Amino acid sequence: MAQGFDWPVLMRAGMRGLGLSPERFWALTPAELQLLIGEAQGTKPMGRQRLDELIAAFPDKIEGSSK
């Protein structure tokens, strides 16, 4: 039998545990969420500080760009 996602648990982990906004949470792929909460084999959960560092280093939009 196929196992589904436990959305309440994942939402608590993403929004409460990682401090993601609902928009950011729902924009993640399941693989990205799994990596962030540390469920991928051999990985540790990414903390908010490291996530903020990555966001700063790789912004979605470059200042002064129309793209």
Protein backbone atom coordinates (compact mmCIF):
# COMPACT_ATOMS: atom_id res chain seq x y z
CA MET A 1 0.00 0.00 0.00
CA ALA A 2 1.31 3.48 -0.91
CA GLN A 3 2.07 5.72 2.03
CA GLY A 4 1.00 9.38 1.85
CA PHE A 5 2.52 12.45 3.40
CA ASP A 6 1.66 13.35 6.98
CA TRP A 7 0.91 16.99 6.13
CA PRO A 8 0.18 18.21 9.68
CA VAL A 9 3.57 16.91 10.87
CA LEU A 10 5.38 18.30 7.82
CA MET A 11 3.67 21.68 8.16
CA ARG A 12 4.66 21.91 11.84
CA ALA A 13 8.26 20.96 11.00
CA GLY A 14 8.46 23.49 8.17
CA MET A 15 6.55 26.42 9.58
CA ARG A 16 7.15 26.08 13.32
CA GLY A 17 10.46 24.23 13.34
CA LEU A 18 12.17 25.97 10.44
CA GLY A 19 10.23 29.24 10.61
CA LEU A 20 9.15 29.06 6.96
CA SER A 21 6.24 31.21 5.85
CA PRO A 22 3.31 29.27 4.34
CA GLU A 23 4.29 30.58 0.91
CA ARG A 24 7.86 29.32 1.25
CA PHE A 25 6.68 26.01 2.69
CA TRP A 26 4.29 25.30 -0.19
CA ALA A 27 6.88 26.39 -2.78
CA LEU A 28 9.25 23.61 -1.69
CA THR A 29 9.39 20.29 -3.47
CA PRO A 30 8.99 17.22 -1.25
CA ALA A 31 12.70 16.47 -1.75
CA GLU A 32 13.69 20.00 -0.65
CA LEU A 33 11.49 19.77 2.44
CA GLN A 34 12.89 16.35 3.26
CA LEU A 35 16.43 17.72 3.01
CA LEU A 36 15.63 20.74 5.20
CA ILE A 37 14.08 18.69 7.98
CA GLY A 38 16.90 16.14 7.82
CA GLU A 39 15.03 13.08 6.69
CA ALA A 40 17.26 12.45 3.68
CA GLN A 41 19.65 9.64 4.49
CA GLY A 42 22.93 10.85 5.94
CA THR A 43 21.90 14.48 6.35
CA LYS A 44 21.35 16.72 9.32
CA PRO A 45 18.55 19.29 9.52
CA MET A 46 19.45 22.68 8.15
CA GLY A 47 19.11 25.42 10.73
CA ARG A 48 17.49 28.77 10.10
CA GLN A 49 20.86 30.56 10.18
CA ARG A 50 22.27 28.40 7.37
CA LEU A 51 19.08 28.81 5.34
CA ASP A 52 19.33 32.60 5.70
CA GLU A 53 22.98 32.43 4.59
CA LEU A 54 22.02 30.49 1.48
CA ILE A 55 19.15 32.87 0.70
CA ALA A 56 21.54 35.82 0.96
CA ALA A 57 24.16 34.10 -1.19
CA PHE A 58 21.70 32.95 -3.86
CA PRO A 59 18.81 35.45 -4.05
CA ASP A 60 15.88 34.72 -6.32
CA LYS A 61 16.08 38.21 -7.81
CA ILE A 62 19.20 40.26 -8.41
CA GLU A 63 18.90 43.91 -7.34
CA GLY A 64 18.54 46.27 -10.29
CA SER A 65 17.48 43.44 -12.61
CA SER A 66 14.07 43.29 -14.25
CA LYS A 67 14.19 39.47 -14.20
